PDB file of N, CA and C in Angstrom:
ATOM      1  N   VAL A   1     -15.143   5.405  10.344  1.00  0.00           N
ATOM      2  CA  VAL A   1     -14.784   6.683   9.758  1.00  0.00           C
ATOM      3  C   VAL A   1     -13.353   7.048  10.137  1.00  0.00           C
ATOM      4  N   VAL A   2     -12.856   6.529  11.246  1.00  0.00           N
ATOM      5  CA  VAL A   2     -11.505   6.878  11.678  1.00  0.00           C
ATOM      6  C   VAL A   2     -10.454   6.264  10.760  1.00  0.00           C
ATOM      7  N   THR A   3     -10.656   5.018  10.322  1.00  0.00           N
ATOM      8  CA  THR A   3      -9.642   4.349   9.506  1.00  0.00           C
ATOM      9  C   THR A   3      -9.388   5.052   8.177  1.00  0.00           C
ATOM     10  N   PRO A   4     -10.420   5.427   7.394  1.00  0.00           N
ATOM     11  CA  PRO A   4     -10.119   6.160   6.156  1.00  0.00           C
ATOM     12  C   PRO A   4      -9.425   7.486   6.418  1.00  0.00           C
ATOM     13  N   ALA A   5      -9.829   8.164   7.486  1.00  0.00           N
ATOM     14  CA  ALA A   5      -9.204   9.455   7.788  1.00  0.00           C
ATOM     15  C   ALA A   5      -7.729   9.286   8.105  1.00  0.00           C
ATOM     16  N   MET A   6      -7.390   8.288   8.897  1.00  0.00           N
ATOM     17  CA  MET A   6      -5.989   8.061   9.248  1.00  0.00           C
ATOM     18  C   MET A   6      -5.190   7.623   8.027  1.00  0.00           C
ATOM     19  N   SER A   7      -5.785   6.799   7.174  1.00  0.00           N
ATOM     20  CA  SER A   7      -5.090   6.355   5.965  1.00  0.00           C
ATOM     21  C   SER A   7      -4.815   7.522   5.033  1.00  0.00           C
ATOM     22  N   VAL A   8      -5.799   8.407   4.884  1.00  0.00           N
ATOM     23  CA  VAL A   8      -5.616   9.562   4.001  1.00  0.00           C
ATOM     24  C   VAL A   8      -4.565  10.498   4.568  1.00  0.00           C
ATOM     25  N   VAL A   9      -4.617  10.751   5.870  1.00  0.00           N
ATOM     26  CA  VAL A   9      -3.633  11.655   6.478  1.00  0.00           C
ATOM     27  C   VAL A   9      -2.228  11.083   6.334  1.00  0.00           C
ATOM     28  N   SER A  10      -2.062   9.780   6.563  1.00  0.00           N
ATOM     29  CA  SER A  10      -0.721   9.203   6.437  1.00  0.00           C
ATOM     30  C   SER A  10      -0.256   9.189   4.986  1.00  0.00           C
ATOM     31  N   ALA A  11      -1.177   8.999   4.044  1.00  0.00           N
ATOM     32  CA  ALA A  11      -0.794   9.037   2.630  1.00  0.00           C
ATOM     33  C   ALA A  11      -0.397  10.442   2.210  1.00  0.00           C
ATOM     34  N   VAL A  12      -1.172  11.431   2.621  1.00  0.00           N
ATOM     35  CA  VAL A  12      -0.860  12.821   2.263  1.00  0.00           C
ATOM     36  C   VAL A  12       0.392  13.282   2.998  1.00  0.00           C
ATOM     37  N   ASP A  13       0.640  12.716   4.172  1.00  0.00           N
ATOM     38  CA  ASP A  13       1.837  13.071   4.930  1.00  0.00           C
ATOM     39  C   ASP A  13       3.102  12.709   4.161  1.00  0.00           C
ATOM     40  N   GLY A  14       3.011  11.747   3.256  1.00  0.00           N
ATOM     41  CA  GLY A  14       4.148  11.392   2.415  1.00  0.00           C
ATOM     42  C   GLY A  14       4.576  12.499   1.475  1.00  0.00           C
ATOM     43  N   LEU A  15       3.714  13.490   1.282  1.00  0.00           N
ATOM     44  CA  LEU A  15       4.097  14.636   0.453  1.00  0.00           C
ATOM     45  C   LEU A  15       5.284  15.390   1.047  1.00  0.00           C
ATOM     46  N   LYS A  16       5.425  15.321   2.367  1.00  0.00           N
ATOM     47  CA  LYS A  16       6.537  16.033   3.011  1.00  0.00           C
ATOM     48  C   LYS A  16       7.888  15.477   2.580  1.00  0.00           C
ATOM     49  N   VAL A  17       7.896  14.241   2.114  1.00  0.00           N
ATOM     50  CA  VAL A  17       9.146  13.660   1.625  1.00  0.00           C
ATOM     51  C   VAL A  17       9.516  14.263   0.277  1.00  0.00           C
ATOM     52  N   GLY A  18       8.527  14.391  -0.607  1.00  0.00           N
ATOM     53  CA  GLY A  18       8.795  14.903  -1.946  1.00  0.00           C
ATOM     54  C   GLY A  18       8.829  16.410  -2.043  1.00  0.00           C
ATOM     55  N   ILE A  19       8.066  17.076  -1.184  1.00  0.00           N
ATOM     56  CA  ILE A  19       7.992  18.538  -1.201  1.00  0.00           C
ATOM     57  C   ILE A  19       8.524  19.030   0.135  1.00  0.00           C
ATOM     58  N   SER A  20       9.702  19.599   0.119  1.00  0.00           N
ATOM     59  CA  SER A  20      10.362  19.946   1.380  1.00  0.00           C
ATOM     60  C   SER A  20       9.699  21.106   2.115  1.00  0.00           C
ATOM     61  N   GLY A  21       9.031  21.998   1.427  1.00  0.00           N
ATOM     62  CA  GLY A  21       8.482  23.176   2.083  1.00  0.00           C
ATOM     63  C   GLY A  21       7.070  23.022   2.611  1.00  0.00           C
ATOM     64  N   ILE A  22       6.470  21.847   2.491  1.00  0.00           N
ATOM     65  CA  ILE A  22       5.084  21.674   2.924  1.00  0.00           C
ATOM     66  C   ILE A  22       5.012  21.548   4.441  1.00  0.00           C
ATOM     67  N   LYS A  23       4.021  22.214   5.022  1.00  0.00           N
ATOM     68  CA  LYS A  23       3.856  22.226   6.479  1.00  0.00           C
ATOM     69  C   LYS A  23       2.773  21.236   6.883  1.00  0.00           C
ATOM     70  N   GLN A  24       2.749  20.899   8.163  1.00  0.00           N
ATOM     71  CA  GLN A  24       1.766  19.950   8.677  1.00  0.00           C
ATOM     72  C   GLN A  24       0.343  20.478   8.509  1.00  0.00           C
ATOM     73  N   GLU A  25       0.151  21.776   8.667  1.00  0.00           N
ATOM     74  CA  GLU A  25      -1.185  22.357   8.506  1.00  0.00           C
ATOM     75  C   GLU A  25      -1.693  22.163   7.073  1.00  0.00           C
ATOM     76  N   GLU A  26      -0.792  22.299   6.106  1.00  0.00           N
ATOM     77  CA  GLU A  26      -1.170  22.098   4.712  1.00  0.00           C
ATOM     78  C   GLU A  26      -1.514  20.638   4.439  1.00  0.00           C
ATOM     79  N   VAL A  27      -0.776  19.732   5.066  1.00  0.00           N
ATOM     80  CA  VAL A  27      -1.056  18.309   4.921  1.00  0.00           C
ATOM     81  C   VAL A  27      -2.454  18.002   5.446  1.00  0.00           C
ATOM     82  N   VAL A  28      -2.789  18.564   6.593  1.00  0.00           N
ATOM     83  CA  VAL A  28      -4.107  18.333   7.181  1.00  0.00           C
ATOM     84  C   VAL A  28      -5.201  18.899   6.284  1.00  0.00           C
ATOM     85  N   MET A  29      -4.993  20.091   5.744  1.00  0.00           N
ATOM     86  CA  MET A  29      -6.007  20.701   4.882  1.00  0.00           C
ATOM     87  C   MET A  29      -6.209  19.897   3.589  1.00  0.00           C
ATOM     88  N   ILE A  30      -5.122  19.392   3.014  1.00  0.00           N
ATOM     89  CA  ILE A  30      -5.236  18.558   1.813  1.00  0.00           C
ATOM     90  C   ILE A  30      -6.001  17.278   2.139  1.00  0.00           C
ATOM     91  N   ALA A  31      -5.696  16.683   3.288  1.00  0.00           N
ATOM     92  CA  ALA A  31      -6.384  15.456   3.691  1.00  0.00           C
ATOM     93  C   ALA A  31      -7.871  15.713   3.930  1.00  0.00           C
ATOM     94  N   VAL A  32      -8.197  16.826   4.572  1.00  0.00           N
ATOM     95  CA  VAL A  32      -9.602  17.166   4.819  1.00  0.00           C
ATOM     96  C   VAL A  32     -10.331  17.385   3.495  1.00  0.00           C
ATOM     97  N   ALA A  33      -9.709  18.100   2.575  1.00  0.00           N
ATOM     98  CA  ALA A  33     -10.327  18.340   1.269  1.00  0.00           C
ATOM     99  C   ALA A  33     -10.548  17.025   0.527  1.00  0.00           C
ATOM    100  N   PHE A  34      -9.569  16.146   0.579  1.00  0.00           N
ATOM    101  CA  PHE A  34      -9.701  14.851  -0.085  1.00  0.00           C
ATOM    102  C   PHE A  34     -10.834  14.034   0.527  1.00  0.00           C
ATOM    103  N   LEU A  35     -10.940  14.042   1.859  1.00  0.00           N
ATOM    104  CA  LEU A  35     -12.005  13.290   2.519  1.00  0.00           C
ATOM    105  C   LEU A  35     -13.382  13.864   2.207  1.00  0.00           C
ATOM    106  N   ILE A  36     -13.479  15.183   2.109  1.00  0.00           N
ATOM    107  CA  ILE A  36     -14.761  15.797   1.746  1.00  0.00           C
ATOM    108  C   ILE A  36     -15.180  15.340   0.352  1.00  0.00           C
ATOM    109  N   VAL A  37     -14.245  15.356  -0.582  1.00  0.00           N
ATOM    110  CA  VAL A  37     -14.552  14.893  -1.937  1.00  0.00           C
ATOM    111  C   VAL A  37     -14.907  13.408  -1.919  1.00  0.00           C
ATOM    112  N   LEU A  38     -14.143  12.625  -1.184  1.00  0.00           N
ATOM    113  CA  LEU A  38     -14.370  11.183  -1.129  1.00  0.00           C
ATOM    114  C   LEU A  38     -15.757  10.852  -0.592  1.00  0.00           C
ATOM    115  N   PHE A  39     -16.138  11.483   0.512  1.00  0.00           N
ATOM    116  CA  PHE A  39     -17.443  11.186   1.100  1.00  0.00           C
ATOM    117  C   PHE A  39     -18.589  11.816   0.315  1.00  0.00           C
ATOM    118  N   SER A  40     -18.341  12.878  -0.417  1.00  0.00           N
ATOM    119  CA  SER A  40     -19.420  13.501  -1.189  1.00  0.00           C
ATOM    120  C   SER A  40     -19.760  12.716  -2.453  1.00  0.00           C
ATOM    121  N   VAL A  41     -18.817  11.950  -2.985  1.00  0.00           N
ATOM    122  CA  VAL A  41     -19.106  11.169  -4.187  1.00  0.00           C
ATOM    123  C   VAL A  41     -19.641   9.779  -3.864  1.00  0.00           C
ATOM    124  N   GLN A  42     -19.722   9.429  -2.596  1.00  0.00           N
ATOM    125  CA  GLN A  42     -20.246   8.117  -2.229  1.00  0.00           C
ATOM    126  C   GLN A  42     -21.718   7.965  -2.579  1.00  0.00           C
ATOM    127  N   LYS A  43     -22.433   9.053  -2.655  1.00  0.00           N
ATOM    128  CA  LYS A  43     -23.868   8.985  -2.938  1.00  0.00           C
ATOM    129  C   LYS A  43     -24.155   8.439  -4.335  1.00  0.00           C
ATOM    130  N   TYR A  44     -23.163   8.471  -5.213  1.00  0.00           N
ATOM    131  CA  TYR A  44     -23.355   7.970  -6.569  1.00  0.00           C
ATOM    132  C   TYR A  44     -23.288   6.452  -6.650  1.00  0.00           C
ATOM    133  N   GLY A  45     -22.853   5.803  -5.604  1.00  0.00           N
ATOM    134  CA  GLY A  45     -22.809   4.346  -5.570  1.00  0.00           C
ATOM    135  C   GLY A  45     -21.526   3.782  -6.150  1.00  0.00           C
ATOM    136  N   THR A  46     -21.316   2.519  -5.843  1.00  0.00           N
ATOM    137  CA  THR A  46     -20.065   1.881  -6.262  1.00  0.00           C
ATOM    138  C   THR A  46     -20.022   1.603  -7.755  1.00  0.00           C
ATOM    139  N   SER A  47     -21.173   1.407  -8.385  1.00  0.00           N
ATOM    140  CA  SER A  47     -21.141   1.101  -9.816  1.00  0.00           C
ATOM    141  C   SER A  47     -20.664   2.297 -10.636  1.00  0.00           C
ATOM    142  N   LYS A  48     -21.159   3.472 -10.313  1.00  0.00           N
ATOM    143  CA  LYS A  48     -20.732   4.660 -11.060  1.00  0.00           C
ATOM    144  C   LYS A  48     -19.312   5.064 -10.685  1.00  0.00           C
ATOM    145  N   MET A  49     -18.971   4.961  -9.413  1.00  0.00           N
ATOM    146  CA  MET A  49     -17.614   5.322  -8.995  1.00  0.00           C
ATOM    147  C   MET A  49     -16.603   4.298  -9.501  1.00  0.00           C
ATOM    148  N   GLY A  50     -17.005   3.038  -9.529  1.00  0.00           N
ATOM    149  CA  GLY A  50     -16.117   2.013 -10.073  1.00  0.00           C
ATOM    150  C   GLY A  50     -15.829   2.231 -11.543  1.00  0.00           C
ATOM    151  N   PHE A  51     -16.815   2.744 -12.260  1.00  0.00           N
ATOM    152  CA  PHE A  51     -16.635   3.044 -13.676  1.00  0.00           C
ATOM    153  C   PHE A  51     -15.612   4.161 -13.870  1.00  0.00           C
ATOM    154  N   VAL A  52     -15.547   5.085 -12.918  1.00  0.00           N
ATOM    155  CA  VAL A  52     -14.600   6.203 -13.000  1.00  0.00           C
ATOM    156  C   VAL A  52     -13.227   5.795 -12.480  1.00  0.00           C
ATOM    157  N   VAL A  53     -13.213   5.120 -11.332  1.00  0.00           N
ATOM    158  CA  VAL A  53     -11.952   4.810 -10.657  1.00  0.00           C
ATOM    159  C   VAL A  53     -11.295   3.551 -11.231  1.00  0.00           C
ATOM    160  N   GLY A  54     -12.087   2.644 -11.763  1.00  0.00           N
ATOM    161  CA  GLY A  54     -11.566   1.372 -12.265  1.00  0.00           C
ATOM    162  C   GLY A  54     -10.437   1.494 -13.271  1.00  0.00           C
ATOM    163  N   PRO A  55     -10.595   2.291 -14.331  1.00  0.00           N
ATOM    164  CA  PRO A  55      -9.496   2.420 -15.295  1.00  0.00           C
ATOM    165  C   PRO A  55      -8.216   3.002 -14.690  1.00  0.00           C
ATOM    166  N   ALA A  56      -8.368   3.944 -13.773  1.00  0.00           N
ATOM    167  CA  ALA A  56      -7.178   4.518 -13.129  1.00  0.00           C
ATOM    168  C   ALA A  56      -6.466   3.466 -12.293  1.00  0.00           C
ATOM    169  N   LEU A  57      -7.224   2.651 -11.564  1.00  0.00           N
ATOM    170  CA  LEU A  57      -6.609   1.588 -10.777  1.00  0.00           C
ATOM    171  C   LEU A  57      -5.970   0.533 -11.675  1.00  0.00           C
ATOM    172  N   PHE A  58      -6.595   0.244 -12.802  1.00  0.00           N
ATOM    173  CA  PHE A  58      -6.015  -0.716 -13.741  1.00  0.00           C
ATOM    174  C   PHE A  58      -4.657  -0.231 -14.245  1.00  0.00           C
ATOM    175  N   VAL A  59      -4.576   1.036 -14.614  1.00  0.00           N
ATOM    176  CA  VAL A  59      -3.303   1.606 -15.074  1.00  0.00           C
ATOM    177  C   VAL A  59      -2.277   1.570 -13.948  1.00  0.00           C
ATOM    178  N   TRP A  60      -2.706   1.913 -12.725  1.00  0.00           N
ATOM    179  CA  TRP A  60      -1.810   1.916 -11.565  1.00  0.00           C
ATOM    180  C   TRP A  60      -1.239   0.521 -11.327  1.00  0.00           C
ATOM    181  N   PHE A  61      -2.098  -0.499 -11.310  1.00  0.00           N
ATOM    182  CA  PHE A  61      -1.627  -1.854 -11.058  1.00  0.00           C
ATOM    183  C   PHE A  61      -0.753  -2.371 -12.195  1.00  0.00           C
ATOM    184  N   CYS A  62      -1.052  -1.994 -13.414  1.00  0.00           N
ATOM    185  CA  CYS A  62      -0.189  -2.380 -14.539  1.00  0.00           C
ATOM    186  C   CYS A  62       1.193  -1.740 -14.416  1.00  0.00           C
ATOM    187  N   CYS A  63       1.232  -0.492 -13.988  1.00  0.00           N
ATOM    188  CA  CYS A  63       2.528   0.172 -13.773  1.00  0.00           C
ATOM    189  C   CYS A  63       3.314  -0.516 -12.667  1.00  0.00           C
ATOM    190  N   LEU A  64       2.640  -0.856 -11.565  1.00  0.00           N
ATOM    191  CA  LEU A  64       3.317  -1.564 -10.476  1.00  0.00           C
ATOM    192  C   LEU A  64       3.851  -2.912 -10.947  1.00  0.00           C
ATOM    193  N   ALA A  65       3.048  -3.634 -11.720  1.00  0.00           N
ATOM    194  CA  ALA A  65       3.495  -4.931 -12.231  1.00  0.00           C
ATOM    195  C   ALA A  65       4.685  -4.765 -13.164  1.00  0.00           C
ATOM    196  N   GLY A  66       4.633  -3.772 -14.033  1.00  0.00           N
ATOM    197  CA  GLY A  66       5.741  -3.535 -14.953  1.00  0.00           C
ATOM    198  C   GLY A  66       7.026  -3.171 -14.237  1.00  0.00           C
ATOM    199  N   ILE A  67       6.921  -2.305 -13.247  1.00  0.00           N
ATOM    200  CA  ILE A  67       8.109  -1.919 -12.475  1.00  0.00           C
ATOM    201  C   ILE A  67       8.663  -3.116 -11.718  1.00  0.00           C
ATOM    202  N   GLY A  68       7.763  -3.926 -11.138  1.00  0.00           N
ATOM    203  CA  GLY A  68       8.213  -5.110 -10.407  1.00  0.00           C
ATOM    204  C   GLY A  68       8.914  -6.111 -11.299  1.00  0.00           C
ATOM    205  N   ILE A  69       8.342  -6.390 -12.448  1.00  0.00           N
ATOM    206  CA  ILE A  69       8.959  -7.337 -13.382  1.00  0.00           C
ATOM    207  C   ILE A  69      10.293  -6.801 -13.888  1.00  0.00           C
ATOM    208  N   TYR A  70      10.342  -5.518 -14.189  1.00  0.00           N
ATOM    209  CA  TYR A  70      11.590  -4.905 -14.644  1.00  0.00           C
ATOM    210  C   TYR A  70      12.688  -5.076 -13.590  1.00  0.00           C
ATOM    211  N   ASN A  71      12.366  -4.776 -12.332  1.00  0.00           N
ATOM    212  CA  ASN A  71      13.368  -4.884 -11.274  1.00  0.00           C
ATOM    213  C   ASN A  71      13.783  -6.327 -11.026  1.00  0.00           C
ATOM    214  N   LEU A  72      12.847  -7.265 -11.144  1.00  0.00           N
ATOM    215  CA  LEU A  72      13.211  -8.669 -10.981  1.00  0.00           C
ATOM    216  C   LEU A  72      14.175  -9.119 -12.066  1.00  0.00           C
ATOM    217  N   VAL A  73      13.910  -8.729 -13.286  1.00  0.00           N
ATOM    218  CA  VAL A  73      14.761  -9.145 -14.403  1.00  0.00           C
ATOM    219  C   VAL A  73      16.106  -8.438 -14.355  1.00  0.00           C
ATOM    220  N   LYS A  74      16.106  -7.158 -14.055  1.00  0.00           N
ATOM    221  CA  LYS A  74      17.344  -6.384 -14.108  1.00  0.00           C
ATOM    222  C   LYS A  74      18.281  -6.683 -12.949  1.00  0.00           C
ATOM    223  N   TYR A  75      17.760  -6.751 -11.738  1.00  0.00           N
ATOM    224  CA  TYR A  75      18.640  -6.784 -10.576  1.00  0.00           C
ATOM    225  C   TYR A  75      18.943  -8.178 -10.052  1.00  0.00           C
ATOM    226  N   ASP A  76      17.938  -9.020  -9.901  1.00  0.00           N
ATOM    227  CA  ASP A  76      18.258 -10.307  -9.302  1.00  0.00           C
ATOM    228  C   ASP A  76      17.170 -11.327  -9.619  1.00  0.00           C
ATOM    229  N   ARG A  77      17.513 -12.277 -10.442  1.00  0.00           N
ATOM    230  CA  ARG A  77      16.551 -13.327 -10.780  1.00  0.00           C
ATOM    231  C   ARG A  77      16.428 -14.350  -9.665  1.00  0.00           C
ATOM    232  N   ASP A  78      17.353 -14.335  -8.712  1.00  0.00           N
ATOM    233  CA  ASP A  78      17.273 -15.273  -7.594  1.00  0.00           C
ATOM    234  C   ASP A  78      16.093 -14.978  -6.677  1.00  0.00           C
ATOM    235  N   VAL A  79      15.488 -13.817  -6.823  1.00  0.00           N
ATOM    236  CA  VAL A  79      14.325 -13.471  -6.008  1.00  0.00           C
ATOM    237  C   VAL A  79      13.195 -14.460  -6.266  1.00  0.00           C
ATOM    238  N   TRP A  80      13.146 -15.025  -7.458  1.00  0.00           N
ATOM    239  CA  TRP A  80      12.095 -15.985  -7.783  1.00  0.00           C
ATOM    240  C   TRP A  80      12.137 -17.190  -6.850  1.00  0.00           C
ATOM    241  N   ARG A  81      13.315 -17.488  -6.302  1.00  0.00           N
ATOM    242  CA  ARG A  81      13.415 -18.617  -5.373  1.00  0.00           C
ATOM    243  C   ARG A  81      12.614 -18.371  -4.103  1.00  0.00           C
ATOM    244  N   ALA A  82      12.360 -17.120  -3.767  1.00  0.00           N
ATOM    245  CA  ALA A  82      11.606 -16.805  -2.554  1.00  0.00           C
ATOM    246  C   ALA A  82      10.162 -17.290  -2.634  1.00  0.00           C
ATOM    247  N   PHE A  83       9.666 -17.545  -3.830  1.00  0.00           N
ATOM    248  CA  PHE A  83       8.302 -18.043  -3.974  1.00  0.00           C
ATOM    249  C   PHE A  83       8.181 -19.533  -3.643  1.00  0.00           C
ATOM    250  N   ASN A  84       9.311 -20.195  -3.443  1.00  0.00           N
ATOM    251  CA  ASN A  84       9.302 -21.606  -3.085  1.00  0.00           C
ATOM    252  C   ASN A  84       8.932 -21.743  -1.606  1.00  0.00           C
ATOM    253  N   PRO A  85       7.858 -22.449  -1.266  1.00  0.00           N
ATOM    254  CA  PRO A  85       7.416 -22.526   0.127  1.00  0.00           C
ATOM    255  C   PRO A  85       8.359 -23.288   1.050  1.00  0.00           C
ATOM    256  N   ILE A  86       9.318 -24.017   0.525  1.00  0.00           N
ATOM    257  CA  ILE A  86      10.246 -24.748   1.391  1.00  0.00           C
ATOM    258  C   ILE A  86      11.077 -23.795   2.242  1.00  0.00           C
ATOM    259  N   HIS A  87      11.281 -22.579   1.748  1.00  0.00           N
ATOM    260  CA  HIS A  87      12.065 -21.604   2.502  1.00  0.00           C
ATOM    261  C   HIS A  87      11.336 -21.160   3.770  1.00  0.00           C
ATOM    262  N   ILE A  88      10.010 -21.190   3.754  1.00  0.00           N
ATOM    263  CA  ILE A  88       9.251 -20.890   4.973  1.00  0.00           C
ATOM    264  C   ILE A  88       9.531 -21.958   6.018  1.00  0.00           C
ATOM    265  N   TYR A  89       9.549 -23.200   5.596  1.00  0.00           N
ATOM    266  CA  TYR A  89       9.853 -24.293   6.515  1.00  0.00           C
ATOM    267  C   TYR A  89      11.247 -24.124   7.113  1.00  0.00           C
ATOM    268  N   TYR A  90      12.222 -23.837   6.272  1.00  0.00           N
ATOM    269  CA  TYR A  90      13.589 -23.644   6.766  1.00  0.00           C
ATOM    270  C   TYR A  90      13.669 -22.469   7.738  1.00  0.00           C
ATOM    271  N   PHE A  91      12.936 -21.401   7.432  1.00  0.00           N
ATOM    272  CA  PHE A  91      12.937 -20.225   8.305  1.00  0.00           C
ATOM    273  C   PHE A  91      12.378 -20.579   9.678  1.00  0.00           C
ATOM    274  N   PHE A  92      11.266 -21.300   9.727  1.00  0.00           N
ATOM    275  CA  PHE A  92      10.672 -21.681  11.008  1.00  0.00           C
ATOM    276  C   PHE A  92      11.542 -22.690  11.748  1.00  0.00           C
ATOM    277  N   LYS A  93      12.206 -23.563  11.014  1.00  0.00           N
ATOM    278  CA  LYS A  93      13.090 -24.543  11.648  1.00  0.00           C
ATOM    279  C   LYS A  93      14.298 -23.856  12.279  1.00  0.00           C
ATOM    280  N   ARG A  94      14.806 -22.837  11.611  1.00  0.00           N
ATOM    281  CA  ARG A  94      15.997 -22.141  12.076  1.00  0.00           C
ATOM    282  C   ARG A  94      15.684 -21.143  13.193  1.00  0.00           C
ATOM    283  N   LYS A  95      14.589 -20.402  13.090  1.00  0.00           N
ATOM    284  CA  LYS A  95      14.314 -19.289  14.004  1.00  0.00           C
ATOM    285  C   LYS A  95      13.376 -19.637  15.159  1.00  0.00           C
ATOM    286  N   LYS A  96      12.650 -20.714  15.069  1.00  0.00           N
ATOM    287  CA  LYS A  96      11.722 -21.172  16.102  1.00  0.00           C
ATOM    288  C   LYS A  96      10.706 -20.091  16.484  1.00  0.00           C
ATOM    289  N   ILE A  97      10.749 -19.588  17.707  1.00  0.00           N
ATOM    290  CA  ILE A  97       9.723 -18.657  18.205  1.00  0.00           C
ATOM    291  C   ILE A  97       9.799 -17.295  17.517  1.00  0.00           C
ATOM    292  N   GLU A  98      11.000 -16.858  17.127  1.00  0.00           N
ATOM    293  CA  GLU A  98      11.124 -15.573  16.429  1.00  0.00           C
ATOM    294  C   GLU A  98      10.388 -15.590  15.095  1.00  0.00           C
ATOM    295  N   ALA A  99      10.298 -16.760  14.483  1.00  0.00           N
ATOM    296  CA  ALA A  99       9.591 -16.875  13.206  1.00  0.00           C
ATOM    297  C   ALA A  99       8.108 -16.571  13.378  1.00  0.00           C
ATOM    298  N   TRP A 100       7.536 -16.974  14.514  1.00  0.00           N
ATOM    299  CA  TRP A 100       6.120 -16.678  14.761  1.00  0.00           C
ATOM    300  C   TRP A 100       5.901 -15.181  14.942  1.00  0.00           C
ATOM    301  N   TYR A 101       6.835 -14.510  15.603  1.00  0.00           N
ATOM    302  CA  TYR A 101       6.728 -13.046  15.730  1.00  0.00           C
ATOM    303  C   TYR A 101       6.837 -12.377  14.358  1.00  0.00           C
ATOM    304  N   ALA A 102       7.725 -12.888  13.524  1.00  0.00           N
ATOM    305  CA  ALA A 102       7.869 -12.340  12.173  1.00  0.00           C
ATOM    306  C   ALA A 102       6.594 -12.562  11.364  1.00  0.00           C
ATOM    307  N   LEU A 103       5.983 -13.728  11.511  1.00  0.00           N
ATOM    308  CA  LEU A 103       4.731 -14.006  10.812  1.00  0.00           C
ATOM    309  C   LEU A 103       3.630 -13.062  11.282  1.00  0.00           C
ATOM    310  N   GLY A 104       3.592 -12.794  12.587  1.00  0.00           N
ATOM    311  CA  GLY A 104       2.620 -11.830  13.106  1.00  0.00           C
ATOM    312  C   GLY A 104       2.832 -10.449  12.522  1.00  0.00           C
ATOM    313  N   GLY A 105       4.084 -10.040  12.387  1.00  0.00           N
ATOM    314  CA  GLY A 105       4.381  -8.746  11.769  1.00  0.00           C
ATOM    315  C   GLY A 105       3.963  -8.700  10.314  1.00  0.00           C
ATOM    316  N   CYS A 106       4.162  -9.810   9.596  1.00  0.00           N
ATOM    317  CA  CYS A 106       3.731  -9.868   8.189  1.00  0.00           C
ATOM    318  C   CYS A 106       2.220  -9.751   8.074  1.00  0.00           C
ATOM    319  N   LEU A 107       1.501 -10.406   8.970  1.00  0.00           N
ATOM    320  CA  LEU A 107       0.039 -10.317   8.940  1.00  0.00           C
ATOM    321  C   LEU A 107      -0.434  -8.909   9.261  1.00  0.00           C
ATOM    322  N   LEU A 108       0.226  -8.247  10.209  1.00  0.00           N
ATOM    323  CA  LEU A 108      -0.148  -6.867  10.518  1.00  0.00           C
ATOM    324  C   LEU A 108       0.110  -5.953   9.325  1.00  0.00           C
ATOM    325  N   CYS A 109       1.202  -6.188   8.616  1.00  0.00           N
ATOM    326  CA  CYS A 109       1.474  -5.384   7.414  1.00  0.00           C
ATOM    327  C   CYS A 109       0.436  -5.643   6.333  1.00  0.00           C
ATOM    328  N   ALA A 110       0.069  -6.894   6.158  1.00  0.00           N
ATOM    329  CA  ALA A 110      -0.897  -7.240   5.111  1.00  0.00           C
ATOM    330  C   ALA A 110      -2.280  -6.671   5.399  1.00  0.00           C
ATOM    331  N   THR A 111      -2.652  -6.593   6.671  1.00  0.00           N
ATOM    332  CA  THR A 111      -3.976  -6.067   7.012  1.00  0.00           C
ATOM    333  C   THR A 111      -3.975  -4.558   7.144  1.00  0.00           C
ATOM    334  N   GLY A 112      -2.823  -3.940   7.135  1.00  0.00           N
ATOM    335  CA  GLY A 112      -2.749  -2.488   7.235  1.00  0.00           C
ATOM    336  C   GLY A 112      -2.858  -1.967   8.650  1.00  0.00           C
ATOM    337  N   SER A 113      -2.606  -2.808   9.624  1.00  0.00           N
ATOM    338  CA  SER A 113      -2.706  -2.368  11.026  1.00  0.00           C
ATOM    339  C   SER A 113      -1.437  -1.709  11.494  1.00  0.00           C
TER     340      SER A 113
END
């Protein structure tokens, strides 16, 4: 129960970037309200909630893909070279032990820790 609460609070805390006048107390209240709604709709099960949330997530991921492709085409096509795995080998050959620390940081980012 702690992980969803912390994730919601940190996500809602991002509102302070876009809305300059929002206070920490308001952020907490928004997060609490969101968690109450989130946990109250769990009783309907994943099939019914997936039917509601699925289309919104599909639109969200399509927007992310579109923005990503647009930025790749507009700004730098050389980014595609980063998908070549040989660069990982070169990075580890050049950085040695620091590369392992960087890999650990990447794994922590990917897992959300």
